[in-house]
Structures are given as C-alpha cells and as structure tokens.
Protein backbone atom coordinates (compact mmCIF):
# COMPACT_ATOMS: atom_id res chain seq x y z
CA UNK A 1 0.00 0.00 0.00
CA UNK A 2 1.37 3.36 -1.01
CA UNK A 3 1.88 5.99 1.65
CA UNK A 4 -0.64 8.82 1.16
CA UNK A 5 1.46 11.29 3.21
CA UNK A 6 4.46 11.20 0.93
CA UNK A 7 5.33 14.66 -0.49
CA UNK A 8 2.40 16.25 1.38
CA UNK A 9 3.13 19.80 2.53
CA UNK A 10 3.02 20.61 6.25
CA UNK A 11 0.20 23.14 5.77
CA UNK A 12 -2.13 20.44 4.47
CA UNK A 13 -1.25 18.12 7.36
CA UNK A 14 -2.12 20.91 9.88
CA UNK A 15 -5.40 21.70 8.12
CA UNK A 16 -6.46 18.08 7.91
CA UNK A 17 -6.55 17.52 11.72
CA UNK A 18 -9.27 14.91 11.54
CA UNK A 19 -6.80 12.43 10.01
CA UNK A 20 -4.92 12.23 13.38
CA UNK A 21 -7.00 10.16 15.78
CA UNK A 22 -4.57 10.48 18.71
CA UNK A 23 -5.14 14.22 19.04
CA UNK A 24 -8.27 15.11 21.08
CA UNK A 25 -11.13 16.71 19.19
CA UNK A 26 -12.09 20.26 19.87
CA UNK A 27 -15.01 20.69 22.31
CA UNK A 28 -18.06 22.69 21.43
CA UNK A 29 -19.51 25.48 23.56
CA UNK A 30 -22.20 23.14 24.86
CA UNK A 31 -19.63 20.52 25.87
CA UNK A 32 -17.64 23.13 27.80
CA UNK A 33 -20.79 24.28 29.60
CA UNK A 34 -21.75 20.73 30.60
CA UNK A 35 -18.22 19.97 31.82
CA UNK A 36 -18.23 23.17 33.89
CA UNK A 37 -21.60 22.36 35.47
CA UNK A 38 -20.46 18.82 36.28
CA UNK A 39 -17.29 20.15 37.91
CA UNK A 40 -19.28 22.60 40.07
CA UNK A 41 -21.71 19.87 41.07
CA UNK A 42 -18.84 17.58 42.12
CA UNK A 43 -17.30 20.37 44.19
CA UNK A 44 -20.66 21.05 45.84
CA UNK A 45 -21.13 17.35 46.57
CA UNK A 46 -24.35 16.95 44.59
CA UNK A 47 -22.71 14.79 41.95
CA UNK A 48 -20.47 11.74 42.54
CA UNK A 49 -16.73 12.28 42.21
CA UNK A 50 -14.80 11.01 39.23
CA UNK A 51 -13.35 7.51 39.56
CA UNK A 52 -10.00 6.41 38.15
CA UNK A 53 -9.18 3.04 36.62
CA UNK A 54 -8.43 1.53 40.05
CA UNK A 55 -11.84 2.49 41.42
CA UNK A 56 -10.59 5.30 43.66
CA UNK A 57 -12.35 8.65 43.87
CA UNK A 58 -10.55 11.71 42.55
CA UNK A 59 -10.80 14.82 44.69
CA UNK A 60 -12.83 17.38 42.69
CA UNK A 61 -10.98 20.26 44.34
CA UNK A 62 -7.71 19.30 42.66
CA UNK A 63 -6.75 22.07 40.19
CA UNK A 64 -7.18 21.36 36.51
CA UNK A 65 -3.49 21.80 35.69
CA UNK A 66 -2.82 18.87 38.00
CA UNK A 67 -5.74 16.59 37.15
CA UNK A 68 -5.62 17.16 33.37
CA UNK A 69 -3.83 14.28 31.62
CA UNK A 70 -1.35 15.12 28.82
CA UNK A 71 -2.44 13.89 25.40
CA UNK A 72 0.77 11.87 24.98
CA UNK A 73 0.19 9.91 28.21
CA UNK A 74 -2.45 7.74 26.52
CA UNK A 75 -5.02 7.73 29.35
CA UNK A 76 -8.45 6.30 28.56
CA UNK A 77 -10.30 8.11 31.38
CA UNK A 78 -9.82 10.33 34.44
CA UNK A 79 -6.69 9.38 36.30
CA UNK A 80 -3.86 10.77 38.43
CA UNK A 81 -1.22 8.23 37.43
CA UNK A 82 0.67 10.87 35.52
CA UNK A 83 1.36 12.57 38.90
CA UNK A 84 2.73 9.37 40.44
CA UNK A 85 6.35 8.15 40.12
CA UNK A 86 6.64 6.23 36.87
CA UNK A 87 7.90 2.65 37.37
CA UNK A 88 10.21 2.74 34.35
CA UNK A 89 12.00 5.77 35.77
CA UNK A 90 12.47 4.40 39.30
CA UNK A 91 15.91 3.20 40.28
CA UNK A 92 16.00 -0.39 41.46
CA UNK A 93 17.94 -1.06 44.68
CA UNK A 94 19.28 -4.31 46.05
CA UNK A 95 17.15 -6.13 48.59
CA UNK A 96 18.09 -6.50 52.25
CA UNK A 97 19.14 -10.13 51.77
CA UNK A 98 21.59 -9.47 48.93
CA UNK A 99 25.25 -9.11 49.85
CA UNK A 100 28.70 -9.91 48.58
CA UNK A 101 29.70 -13.56 48.49
CA UNK A 102 32.42 -14.66 50.86
CA UNK A 103 35.06 -17.30 50.37
CA UNK A 104 35.66 -19.34 47.27
CA UNK A 105 33.46 -21.53 45.09
CA UNK A 106 34.59 -24.96 46.23
CA UNK A 107 31.85 -26.72 44.29
CA UNK A 108 33.80 -26.41 41.05
CA UNK A 109 37.51 -27.27 41.24
CA UNK A 110 39.55 -27.57 38.05
CA UNK A 111 42.01 -30.40 37.56
CA UNK A 112 43.96 -28.83 34.68
CA UNK A 113 45.39 -25.41 34.12
CA UNK A 114 43.11 -23.20 32.04
CA UNK A 115 44.27 -20.59 29.64
CA UNK A 116 44.11 -17.10 31.14
CA UNK A 117 44.15 -18.35 34.74
CA UNK A 118 46.58 -17.35 37.47
CA UNK A 119 50.00 -18.83 36.79
CA UNK A 120 50.67 -19.30 40.52
CA UNK A 121 47.51 -20.98 41.86
CA UNK A 122 45.45 -21.68 38.73
CA UNK A 123 42.30 -19.69 39.64
CA UNK A 124 40.48 -17.92 36.82
CA UNK A 125 39.24 -14.93 38.81
CA UNK A 126 42.59 -13.16 39.19
CA UNK A 127 46.06 -12.84 37.70
CA UNK A 128 49.46 -13.72 39.11
CA UNK A 129 50.08 -10.14 40.21
CA UNK A 130 46.85 -10.16 42.25
CA UNK A 131 47.27 -13.65 43.71
CA UNK A 132 47.10 -13.79 47.53
CA UNK A 133 48.54 -17.29 47.88
CA UNK A 134 52.14 -18.00 48.80
CA UNK A 135 54.30 -17.88 45.68
CA UNK A 136 54.95 -21.44 44.59
CA UNK A 137 58.37 -22.62 43.53
CA UNK A 138 56.81 -23.99 40.34
CA UNK A 139 53.45 -22.48 39.44
CA UNK A 140 50.26 -24.37 38.72
CA UNK A 141 50.65 -23.46 35.05
CA UNK A 142 53.49 -25.97 34.74
CA UNK A 143 52.58 -28.56 37.41
CA UNK A 144 48.76 -28.84 37.00
CA UNK A 145 48.66 -29.75 40.72
CA UNK A 146 46.56 -28.20 43.50
CA UNK A 147 44.56 -25.92 41.26
CA UNK A 148 42.95 -23.35 43.54
CA UNK A 149 39.14 -22.93 43.33
CA UNK A 150 37.78 -19.78 41.77
CA UNK A 151 36.49 -16.91 43.87
CA UNK A 152 32.85 -15.96 43.65
CA UNK A 153 31.90 -13.39 41.07
CA UNK A 154 30.72 -10.51 43.22
CA UNK A 155 27.40 -8.91 42.30
CA UNK A 156 27.07 -5.19 41.70
CA UNK A 157 24.89 -3.99 44.57
CA UNK A 158 22.93 -0.76 44.38
CA UNK A 159 22.20 0.51 47.90
CA UNK A 160 19.79 3.23 48.90
CA UNK A 161 20.33 5.70 51.75
CA UNK A 162 19.40 3.23 54.48
CA UNK A 163 21.21 0.32 52.86
CA UNK A 164 24.52 2.21 52.81
CA UNK A 165 24.18 2.87 56.56
CA UNK A 166 22.94 -0.56 57.61
CA UNK A 167 25.12 -1.80 60.47
CA UNK A 168 23.89 -5.38 60.09
CA UNK A 169 24.36 -5.58 56.33
CA UNK A 170 25.66 -8.99 55.31
CA UNK A 171 25.10 -10.51 58.77
CA UNK A 172 24.08 -14.14 58.78
CA UNK A 173 21.66 -14.88 61.66
CA UNK A 174 22.83 -18.48 61.72
CA UNK A 175 26.18 -17.25 63.05
CA UNK A 176 24.52 -16.29 66.31
CA UNK A 177 23.61 -19.92 66.89
CA UNK A 178 27.31 -20.73 67.38
CA UNK A 179 27.56 -18.07 70.12
CA UNK A 180 24.47 -19.41 71.88
CA UNK A 181 25.79 -22.95 71.78
CA UNK A 182 29.14 -21.81 73.20
CA UNK A 183 27.47 -20.14 76.18
CA UNK A 184 25.27 -23.18 76.72
CA UNK A 185 28.36 -25.38 76.92
CA UNK A 186 29.93 -23.01 79.45
CA UNK A 187 26.79 -23.05 81.62
CA UNK A 188 26.61 -26.82 81.44
CA UNK A 189 30.26 -27.09 82.52
CA UNK A 190 29.58 -24.75 85.47
CA UNK A 191 26.61 -26.85 86.56
CA UNK A 192 28.72 -30.00 86.47
CA UNK A 193 31.47 -28.35 88.51
CA UNK A 194 28.96 -27.15 91.11
CA UNK A 195 27.39 -30.62 91.30
CA UNK A 196 30.80 -32.25 91.76
CA UNK A 197 31.69 -29.73 94.46
CA UNK A 198 28.44 -30.40 96.33
CA UNK A 199 28.97 -34.15 96.12
CA UNK A 200 32.51 -33.76 97.44
CA UNK A 201 31.27 -31.65 100.37
CA UNK A 202 28.57 -34.19 101.23
CA UNK A 203 31.14 -36.98 101.22
CA UNK A 204 33.41 -34.97 103.52
CA UNK A 205 30.53 -34.37 105.95
CA UNK A 206 29.78 -38.06 106.14
CA UNK A 207 33.42 -39.05 106.61
CA UNK A 208 34.50 -36.54 109.27
CA UNK A 209 32.88 -34.63 112.13
CA UNK A 210 32.77 -30.86 111.98
CA UNK A 211 33.39 -28.28 114.67
CA UNK A 212 30.75 -25.82 115.81
CA UNK A 213 32.75 -22.92 114.38
CA UNK A 214 32.38 -24.37 110.92
CA UNK A 215 28.60 -24.12 111.11
CA UNK A 216 28.88 -20.40 111.91
CA UNK A 217 30.44 -19.71 108.49
CA UNK A 218 27.62 -21.54 106.74
CA UNK A 219 24.84 -19.46 108.29
CA UNK A 220 23.07 -17.31 105.71
CA UNK A 221 23.76 -13.59 105.91
CA UNK A 222 20.85 -11.37 106.93
CA UNK A 223 18.92 -10.19 103.91
CA UNK A 224 19.82 -13.14 101.70
CA UNK A 225 17.65 -15.91 100.32
CA UNK A 226 19.18 -19.22 99.26
CA UNK A 227 17.34 -21.56 96.92
CA UNK A 228 18.53 -25.07 97.71
CA UNK A 229 17.31 -26.45 94.38
CA UNK A 230 19.12 -24.03 92.10
CA UNK A 231 21.95 -23.05 94.46
CA UNK A 232 21.36 -19.35 93.76
CA UNK A 233 21.67 -16.62 96.41
CA UNK A 234 19.32 -13.69 95.95
CA UNK A 235 20.28 -10.42 97.63
CA UNK A 236 17.42 -8.35 99.00
CA UNK A 237 17.36 -4.59 98.81
CA UNK A 238 18.15 -4.08 102.50
CA UNK A 239 18.95 -6.01 105.66
CA UNK A 240 15.81 -6.36 107.75
CA UNK A 241 17.75 -6.04 111.01
CA UNK A 242 18.74 -2.48 110.12
CA UNK A 243 16.64 0.28 111.65
CA UNK A 244 15.47 2.99 109.30
CA UNK A 245 16.74 6.45 110.14
CA UNK A 246 13.28 7.96 110.40
CA UNK A 247 12.28 5.31 112.99
CA UNK A 248 15.09 6.08 115.43
CA UNK A 249 13.28 9.04 116.94
CA UNK A 250 9.58 9.51 116.26
CA UNK A 251 9.49 12.98 117.78
CA UNK A 252 8.56 15.42 114.95
CA UNK A 253 10.83 18.06 116.51
CA UNK A 254 13.89 15.80 116.44
CA UNK A 255 16.52 15.55 113.70
CA UNK A 256 15.17 16.22 110.20
CA UNK A 257 15.06 13.30 107.76
CA UNK A 258 15.38 14.17 104.08
CA UNK A 259 13.39 11.55 102.13
CA UNK A 260 14.87 12.54 98.76
CA UNK A 261 18.50 11.89 99.71
CA UNK A 262 17.64 9.48 102.58
CA UNK A 263 19.92 11.36 104.93
CA UNK A 264 19.61 12.51 108.53
CA UNK A 265 22.41 14.94 109.25
CA UNK A 266 21.67 15.76 112.91
CA UNK A 267 21.83 13.36 115.82
CA UNK A 268 18.40 11.80 116.45
CA UNK A 269 19.47 10.91 120.01
CA UNK A 270 20.51 14.43 120.98
CA UNK A 271 19.89 15.09 124.68
CA UNK A 272 20.11 11.46 125.74
CA UNK A 273 23.02 9.77 127.53
CA UNK A 274 22.60 6.28 126.13
CA UNK A 275 25.22 4.83 123.81
CA UNK A 276 23.99 4.41 120.25
CA UNK A 277 25.49 3.20 116.98
CA UNK A 278 24.25 6.11 114.90
CA UNK A 279 24.65 9.84 115.56
CA UNK A 280 23.82 11.33 112.17
CA UNK A 281 25.82 11.93 109.00
CA UNK A 282 27.47 15.05 110.40
CA UNK A 283 29.04 13.03 113.20
CA UNK A 284 31.35 11.37 110.70
CA UNK A 285 32.31 14.75 109.26
CA UNK A 286 33.52 16.06 112.61
CA UNK A 287 35.24 12.93 113.94
CA UNK A 288 38.62 11.37 113.32
CA UNK A 289 41.02 13.26 111.05
CA UNK A 290 38.32 15.28 109.30
CA UNK A 291 38.95 18.32 111.50
CA UNK A 292 42.69 18.12 110.85
CA UNK A 293 41.99 17.91 107.12
CA UNK A 294 39.70 20.96 107.33
CA UNK A 295 42.37 22.91 109.23
CA UNK A 296 44.99 21.93 106.66
CA UNK A 297 42.71 23.10 103.83
CA UNK A 298 42.12 26.42 105.61
CA UNK A 299 45.85 26.86 106.15
CA UNK A 300 46.48 26.16 102.41
CA UNK A 301 43.94 28.81 101.39
CA UNK A 302 45.40 31.41 103.75
CA UNK A 303 48.93 30.62 102.58
CA UNK A 304 47.88 30.93 98.94
CA UNK A 305 46.36 34.36 99.64
CA UNK A 306 49.71 35.46 101.09
CA UNK A 307 51.68 34.37 98.01
CA UNK A 308 52.77 30.84 98.99
CA UNK A 309 52.27 28.38 96.13
CA UNK A 310 50.96 25.27 97.92
CA UNK A 311 48.02 22.94 97.38
CA UNK A 312 46.52 20.36 99.73
CA UNK A 313 45.86 17.61 97.17
CA UNK A 314 48.81 18.26 94.85
CA UNK A 315 51.51 18.76 97.52
CA UNK A 316 50.30 17.32 100.86
CA UNK A 317 53.82 16.72 102.22
CA UNK A 318 54.94 20.27 101.47
CA UNK A 319 51.80 21.63 103.12
CA UNK A 320 52.32 19.51 106.23
CA UNK A 321 55.92 20.68 106.62
CA UNK A 322 54.91 24.32 106.16
CA UNK A 323 52.15 23.94 108.75
CA UNK A 324 54.53 22.35 111.27
CA UNK A 325 57.06 25.13 110.75
CA UNK A 326 54.30 27.74 111.07
CA UNK A 327 53.00 26.21 114.33
CA UNK A 328 56.51 26.01 115.75
CA UNK A 329 57.28 29.66 115.03
CA UNK A 330 53.87 30.72 116.35
CA UNK A 331 54.49 28.91 119.66
CA UNK A 332 57.95 30.43 119.91
CA UNK A 333 56.52 33.92 119.41
CA UNK A 334 53.84 33.29 122.03
CA UNK A 335 56.42 32.02 124.56
CA UNK A 336 58.68 34.96 123.81
CA UNK A 337 55.87 37.46 124.29
CA UNK A 338 54.79 35.73 127.50
CA UNK A 339 58.35 35.68 128.85
CA UNK A 340 58.85 39.38 128.10
CA UNK A 341 55.63 40.29 129.94
CA UNK A 342 56.59 38.16 132.98
CA UNK A 343 60.11 39.65 133.06
CA UNK A 344 58.71 43.18 133.04
CA UNK A 345 55.70 42.80 135.35
CA UNK A 346 56.41 39.56 137.29
CA UNK A 347 53.71 37.24 138.66
CA UNK A 348 55.01 33.95 137.38
CA UNK A 349 53.94 32.26 140.61
CA UNK A 350 50.29 32.90 139.80
CA UNK A 351 50.51 30.93 136.55
CA UNK A 352 51.20 27.62 138.33
CA UNK A 353 47.76 26.26 139.10
CA UNK A 354 47.09 23.99 142.06
CA UNK A 355 45.70 20.47 141.68
CA UNK A 356 41.97 20.31 141.04
CA UNK A 357 41.34 18.58 144.39
CA UNK A 358 42.91 21.44 146.34
CA UNK A 359 41.71 24.21 144.04
CA UNK A 360 38.07 23.25 144.54
CA UNK A 361 38.55 21.92 148.12
CA UNK A 362 37.20 18.54 146.99
CA UNK A 363 38.80 15.12 146.67
CA UNK A 364 37.72 11.51 146.27
CA UNK A 365 40.03 10.35 149.08
CA UNK A 366 38.00 8.88 151.96
CA UNK A 367 38.96 10.31 155.39
CA UNK A 368 37.18 9.78 158.73
CA UNK A 369 37.24 12.13 161.70
CA UNK A 370 36.30 11.54 165.32
CA UNK A 371 33.64 13.42 167.23
CA UNK A 372 36.34 15.78 168.50
CA UNK A 373 37.53 16.64 164.96
CA UNK A 374 40.65 14.47 165.01
CA UNK A 375 41.81 12.28 162.19
CA UNK A 376 40.91 8.62 162.65
CA UNK A 377 43.25 5.97 161.28
CA UNK A 378 41.07 3.35 159.60
CA UNK A 379 41.56 0.89 156.79
CA UNK A 380 39.62 2.99 154.31
CA UNK A 381 41.18 6.28 155.25
CA UNK A 382 44.79 5.02 155.33
CA UNK A 383 44.66 2.85 152.22
CA UNK A 384 47.76 4.31 150.65
CA UNK A 385 50.90 6.30 151.26
CA UNK A 386 50.38 9.98 152.12
CA UNK A 387 53.20 12.45 151.92
CA UNK A 388 52.52 15.99 153.04
CA UNK A 389 54.96 18.77 152.48
CA UNK A 390 54.71 22.29 153.72
CA UNK A 391 56.17 24.90 151.42
CA UNK A 392 57.02 27.91 153.56
CA UNK A 393 57.37 30.23 150.50
CA UNK A 394 54.07 29.27 148.84
CA UNK A 395 52.21 28.58 152.09
CA UNK A 396 50.44 25.77 150.24
CA UNK A 397 49.93 22.08 150.95
CA UNK A 398 50.48 19.36 148.37
CA UNK A 399 49.31 15.80 148.88
CA UNK A 400 50.38 12.74 146.93
CA UNK A 401 48.84 9.29 147.41
CA UNK A 402 50.53 6.08 146.35
CA UNK A 403 48.62 2.80 146.69
CA UNK A 404 50.50 -0.03 148.38
CA UNK A 405 49.49 -3.71 148.34
CA UNK A 406 49.77 -4.26 152.10
CA UNK A 407 48.81 -2.69 155.43
CA UNK A 408 51.70 -1.78 157.70
CA UNK A 409 51.53 1.29 159.90
CA UNK A 410 55.12 2.45 160.53
CA UNK A 411 54.60 6.11 161.23
CA UNK A 412 52.51 8.44 163.32
CA UNK A 413 51.03 11.82 162.70
CA UNK A 414 52.65 14.66 164.69
CA UNK A 415 51.43 18.22 164.82
CA UNK A 416 53.87 20.88 163.62
CA UNK A 417 56.11 18.55 161.61
CA UNK A 418 57.26 19.88 158.26
CA UNK A 419 57.66 16.37 156.77
CA UNK A 420 55.50 13.48 157.89
CA UNK A 421 55.43 10.20 155.99
CA UNK A 422 52.82 7.52 156.68
CA UNK A 423 53.24 4.13 154.98
CA UNK A 424 50.54 1.50 155.09
C-alpha cells in the first residue's frame, strides 16, 4: 500500500486535523458548559466524584493543571497516574538479603590449568600479580597440581540511603547460633562443677565430724535468700535487722530526715546519755582526722592568699611541713611574748595552778574524823601512802597518794612537823 502522506506539505497536514486520531477533538460550547456544570456539582457534593481506573475517587478540588492528563500519556479516562512516580523511571535497589559472596566456590575445582588463569595458583578470577597465595616454587601453570578454586563473582549492589548505613548488612543470623551454643556449653560445665563440688562436700561431711565454728560460716547472711534447688543466692534490697533512720526518733521536733537523699544529718538521740550506733551523718564529718583535714585546707587557702604556692591535694607533704614550721614559730613567738611580759611585770607564781582537788577543796580520798575533829586511822582512810609537804614560800599544801598492796603502819602523825610520811 502506497503511503498517502508522501510529499504532502506541512500546511495540508495541519489543516487536515481529523486524520490524526490520537489528538483530542475540539469541544463545542455546549460541551464546555456541561463539563463546567459537572465540575461545580462535584465540588458542591451533589454529583459523585470522578473515579480512576483503580476504582478510587478523585478529589474534585484538585486544580485542573494537576488533574488534566497530557495527550501523549495515553489515558483512557480520568486518572492521576501521571502525577505518580513512573515505574520505568524508578531506580531499582538491592534487597536486604543481597550481599557480597564470601570465600571461594569450592563446588567447582579444576584439575587442569586453564588458559588465562593465574600462573601461581590456577584460579580464573585473578592474575598472578593479584594472587594472595604464597608464591609457589613452580606455578600451577606448569605442574597442574593443587589448582585453587575460583572466587565468587561478586554482584554489583545498588544501595539506597538506608542500605549504605545498615550496620547489620551482610550478617548471617545463623552465626549467632554458634555463640548461643558456646554459652550453653559453658553453663553446662559450670553446673557440672557445682554438682561435683556439692557431692565432694557431702562426702566430707559423712566421713569426718565438723566443729561448731564451721557451722557459723555456713549461716546465711541477713537479707539473703538461698534456693537449695538451684543453688542461687538472691540479695534483698536491704537487711531487715537495720533500723530505718526515720524510725530512730519519732518525735517530729527531732533531727530532720530528708526523704529525697535518705539522709539525717543531725543526731536523732541528741539530749540522751545512752550509747547508740548512729549519731547522724554530720558526726562522721567532725570525727577522726576530718577536722585536721579541714584545718589543713584552711591553712592552704590562707597561705595561697599570702603568696605561697601550695596545694593540699597536689603537695600534701609540702603543706604539712609548712604547717609544722608555722605552728613552731607561732608557739615560739607566744612564749617569747609571755616571757617578756613576765620579766617586766612579774607574777610567774600565779601561773602555776594547784591540783583540782585542792583548788576546789574537793577530793575523792576517803577520810574519817572523830567526834572531836581528830583524824581517825582506819583501813579505808589510810589505804595508801600519804606524803605531806609544807612549802614555807608558797604557804600551800600538796598531797600525793601512792597505793601499796599491804597494810603496815610504821609512822605516826605529829602536829607541827614539816615532813611526815605515813606508809601502810
């Protein structure tokens, strides 16, 4: 059949539009009016919405420049597929199960050297320069012995954004089974060792008698629970024998208990004379060497303010030597000032204090007197050695008592004597 469009001018082709069936026909005024009314009715909800080829409704409020299908798309009815990603233009990515092959293909092993293979090992997938095997003295090209299997031909993977950042890419879940089995073997070995140990202990108990002290070590600690079947010790949150801090003193005006930090800083037994095992958190801060540490820190700060480069934690030995030297010089200055005042004004005799028993006119020494006011020598009153000396300058009396293990009266008391010794 001859072609009717041969040597036809372009003007005639444009004029004769009816010969092209693919191009849509021009609508009349009546068709435009009906289409407009239908569109308004669909927007108002009085007419059903247009349905695409998949049976889904098309929103009538979509603008025409979006819903209108191009003439070259070849749509047979209303549709929005031209606004969707086209399958032929989508890039295909590798699935999550695809990954590079590992190892070599041991299913196919050559027995003769093949042309183009590696001269060293005989594999077809690489050359001699790329061979990772140990260089042979005589290559497989000449010996035809121990031809190495070929490596797998690696696929070309196309990864998307998530696939390139997948931390578990290429992981074989069956590998985890080996780890589980290893731990199961370890647990089984531990159970056997515990069972053998228990059997050995039971045999020792039957063979020999045990002391009472040995049973003390086997007593369960407070706050622990032992399951005899599984031999597992479970530790509770607290020991039940411990007394909670807020139960030590139920007086609401006593030491404050902070429930958030579970601390009671003050002494809950303040004002009582009984001995207790808890005196508050602050008791630990002000006992032992904590006060010395605080004084050392204060001395380090004061020394640093005066230009001395010293630090408590960095140079503790240097700080201790400086503090000792400072205390020594301070005592020397105090003694020097005191001596200069005594040398100028006197009164050194008033600085020597008497014993507490004479200063307060009280003593624990038991002495009995007769009805006439005389001293009575009894066992309780003369249970010791009494030496009385009269200092004529001080006009004071000093008494010293020395306990002796026996009773032997070898002296008498005489009035007016400057030195009288009584031994019992």
